[in-house]
């Protein structure tokens, strides 16, 4: 089983969410637990991105919130944000 690894930027954003929105933080935890059990579960709405984010995958927490990761020998999560925050970079 591949390991989940979180960038420092991702960890920082997660801590901010934990401090300001406990309900959202729990939802993120729930989705990550589901991802560990089944990385292709349909409710995660995982899809591969294109353009500047080529080779990056998006995992949906809600209709508006995404987690971005790269899949290699591990799952490297590096960004979290709304659709507009993530895709405008």
C-alpha atoms as a PDB file:
ATOM      1  CA  UNK A   1       0.000   0.000   0.000  1.00  0.00           C
ATOM      2  CA  UNK A   2       1.269   3.439  -0.909  1.00  0.00           C
ATOM      3  CA  UNK A   3       1.926   5.931   1.845  1.00  0.00           C
ATOM      4  CA  UNK A   4       0.259   9.346   2.150  1.00  0.00           C
ATOM      5  CA  UNK A   5       2.767  12.187   2.411  1.00  0.00           C
ATOM      6  CA  UNK A   6       1.826  15.825   3.041  1.00  0.00           C
ATOM      7  CA  UNK A   7       3.889  18.850   1.993  1.00  0.00           C
ATOM      8  CA  UNK A   8       4.617  21.554   4.570  1.00  0.00           C
ATOM      9  CA  UNK A   9       2.289  23.905   2.679  1.00  0.00           C
ATOM     10  CA  UNK A  10      -0.499  21.314   2.785  1.00  0.00           C
ATOM     11  CA  UNK A  11       0.038  20.697   6.503  1.00  0.00           C
ATOM     12  CA  UNK A  12      -0.084  24.449   7.199  1.00  0.00           C
ATOM     13  CA  UNK A  13      -3.358  24.877   5.339  1.00  0.00           C
ATOM     14  CA  UNK A  14      -4.800  21.839   7.118  1.00  0.00           C
ATOM     15  CA  UNK A  15      -3.876  23.303  10.520  1.00  0.00           C
ATOM     16  CA  UNK A  16      -5.593  26.581   9.634  1.00  0.00           C
ATOM     17  CA  UNK A  17      -8.733  24.683   8.653  1.00  0.00           C
ATOM     18  CA  UNK A  18      -8.550  22.656  11.874  1.00  0.00           C
ATOM     19  CA  UNK A  19      -8.407  25.858  13.946  1.00  0.00           C
ATOM     20  CA  UNK A  20     -11.184  27.687  12.111  1.00  0.00           C
ATOM     21  CA  UNK A  21     -13.580  25.021  10.850  1.00  0.00           C
ATOM     22  CA  UNK A  22     -13.642  21.769  12.849  1.00  0.00           C
ATOM     23  CA  UNK A  23     -16.537  20.393  10.789  1.00  0.00           C
ATOM     24  CA  UNK A  24     -14.638  20.851   7.519  1.00  0.00           C
ATOM     25  CA  UNK A  25     -11.503  19.374   9.074  1.00  0.00           C
ATOM     26  CA  UNK A  26     -13.460  16.239  10.058  1.00  0.00           C
ATOM     27  CA  UNK A  27     -14.833  15.977   6.526  1.00  0.00           C
ATOM     28  CA  UNK A  28     -11.284  16.156   5.130  1.00  0.00           C
ATOM     29  CA  UNK A  29     -10.195  13.441   7.561  1.00  0.00           C
ATOM     30  CA  UNK A  30     -13.135  11.269   6.530  1.00  0.00           C
ATOM     31  CA  UNK A  31     -12.334  11.638   2.822  1.00  0.00           C
ATOM     32  CA  UNK A  32      -8.645  10.882   3.407  1.00  0.00           C
ATOM     33  CA  UNK A  33      -9.591   7.751   5.359  1.00  0.00           C
ATOM     34  CA  UNK A  34     -11.812   6.699   2.472  1.00  0.00           C
ATOM     35  CA  UNK A  35      -8.928   7.421   0.081  1.00  0.00           C
ATOM     36  CA  UNK A  36      -6.653   5.136   2.134  1.00  0.00           C
ATOM     37  CA  UNK A  37      -9.239   2.344   1.928  1.00  0.00           C
ATOM     38  CA  UNK A  38     -10.000   2.837  -1.766  1.00  0.00           C
ATOM     39  CA  UNK A  39      -8.046   5.500  -3.696  1.00  0.00           C
ATOM     40  CA  UNK A  40     -10.485   5.261  -6.606  1.00  0.00           C
ATOM     41  CA  UNK A  41     -13.748   5.455  -4.663  1.00  0.00           C
ATOM     42  CA  UNK A  42     -16.362   7.243  -6.779  1.00  0.00           C
ATOM     43  CA  UNK A  43     -17.422   9.679  -4.023  1.00  0.00           C
ATOM     44  CA  UNK A  44     -13.904  11.182  -4.003  1.00  0.00           C
ATOM     45  CA  UNK A  45     -14.496  12.399  -7.578  1.00  0.00           C
ATOM     46  CA  UNK A  46     -10.825  11.886  -8.384  1.00  0.00           C
ATOM     47  CA  UNK A  47      -9.624  13.064 -11.755  1.00  0.00           C
ATOM     48  CA  UNK A  48      -6.333  13.784 -13.460  1.00  0.00           C
ATOM     49  CA  UNK A  49      -5.607  17.404 -14.298  1.00  0.00           C
ATOM     50  CA  UNK A  50      -4.170  18.948 -17.440  1.00  0.00           C
ATOM     51  CA  UNK A  51      -2.205  22.010 -18.471  1.00  0.00           C
ATOM     52  CA  UNK A  52       0.084  23.498 -15.813  1.00  0.00           C
ATOM     53  CA  UNK A  53      -1.071  20.824 -13.387  1.00  0.00           C
ATOM     54  CA  UNK A  54      -0.360  17.915 -15.735  1.00  0.00           C
ATOM     55  CA  UNK A  55       0.362  14.673 -13.839  1.00  0.00           C
ATOM     56  CA  UNK A  56      -1.541  15.994 -10.823  1.00  0.00           C
ATOM     57  CA  UNK A  57      -4.693  14.451  -9.392  1.00  0.00           C
ATOM     58  CA  UNK A  58      -7.611  16.213  -7.728  1.00  0.00           C
ATOM     59  CA  UNK A  59      -9.630  14.737  -4.856  1.00  0.00           C
ATOM     60  CA  UNK A  60     -12.908  16.447  -3.965  1.00  0.00           C
ATOM     61  CA  UNK A  61     -13.818  17.109  -0.358  1.00  0.00           C
ATOM     62  CA  UNK A  62     -16.966  18.964  -1.354  1.00  0.00           C
ATOM     63  CA  UNK A  63     -18.233  20.576  -4.521  1.00  0.00           C
ATOM     64  CA  UNK A  64     -16.021  23.568  -3.758  1.00  0.00           C
ATOM     65  CA  UNK A  65     -12.952  22.169  -1.982  1.00  0.00           C
ATOM     66  CA  UNK A  66     -10.155  20.144  -3.584  1.00  0.00           C
ATOM     67  CA  UNK A  67      -6.990  18.380  -2.465  1.00  0.00           C
ATOM     68  CA  UNK A  68      -4.205  18.072  -5.028  1.00  0.00           C
ATOM     69  CA  UNK A  69      -1.720  15.243  -5.073  1.00  0.00           C
ATOM     70  CA  UNK A  70       0.845  13.488  -7.197  1.00  0.00           C
ATOM     71  CA  UNK A  71       0.875   9.718  -7.396  1.00  0.00           C
ATOM     72  CA  UNK A  72       4.198   7.955  -7.650  1.00  0.00           C
ATOM     73  CA  UNK A  73       5.650   5.473  -5.163  1.00  0.00           C
ATOM     74  CA  UNK A  74       3.531   7.427  -2.635  1.00  0.00           C
ATOM     75  CA  UNK A  75       0.588   9.813  -2.648  1.00  0.00           C
ATOM     76  CA  UNK A  76       2.098  13.283  -2.211  1.00  0.00           C
ATOM     77  CA  UNK A  77      -0.562  15.842  -1.200  1.00  0.00           C
ATOM     78  CA  UNK A  78       0.674  19.374  -1.817  1.00  0.00           C
ATOM     79  CA  UNK A  79      -2.261  21.790  -1.997  1.00  0.00           C
ATOM     80  CA  UNK A  80      -5.759  22.328  -0.683  1.00  0.00           C
ATOM     81  CA  UNK A  81      -8.242  25.010  -1.640  1.00  0.00           C
ATOM     82  CA  UNK A  82     -11.315  25.978  -3.550  1.00  0.00           C
ATOM     83  CA  UNK A  83     -11.634  25.233  -7.228  1.00  0.00           C
ATOM     84  CA  UNK A  84     -10.699  28.830  -8.129  1.00  0.00           C
ATOM     85  CA  UNK A  85      -7.764  29.009  -5.679  1.00  0.00           C
ATOM     86  CA  UNK A  86      -6.177  25.850  -6.994  1.00  0.00           C
ATOM     87  CA  UNK A  87      -6.795  26.095 -10.719  1.00  0.00           C
ATOM     88  CA  UNK A  88      -5.806  29.758 -11.102  1.00  0.00           C
ATOM     89  CA  UNK A  89      -2.193  29.084 -10.080  1.00  0.00           C
END
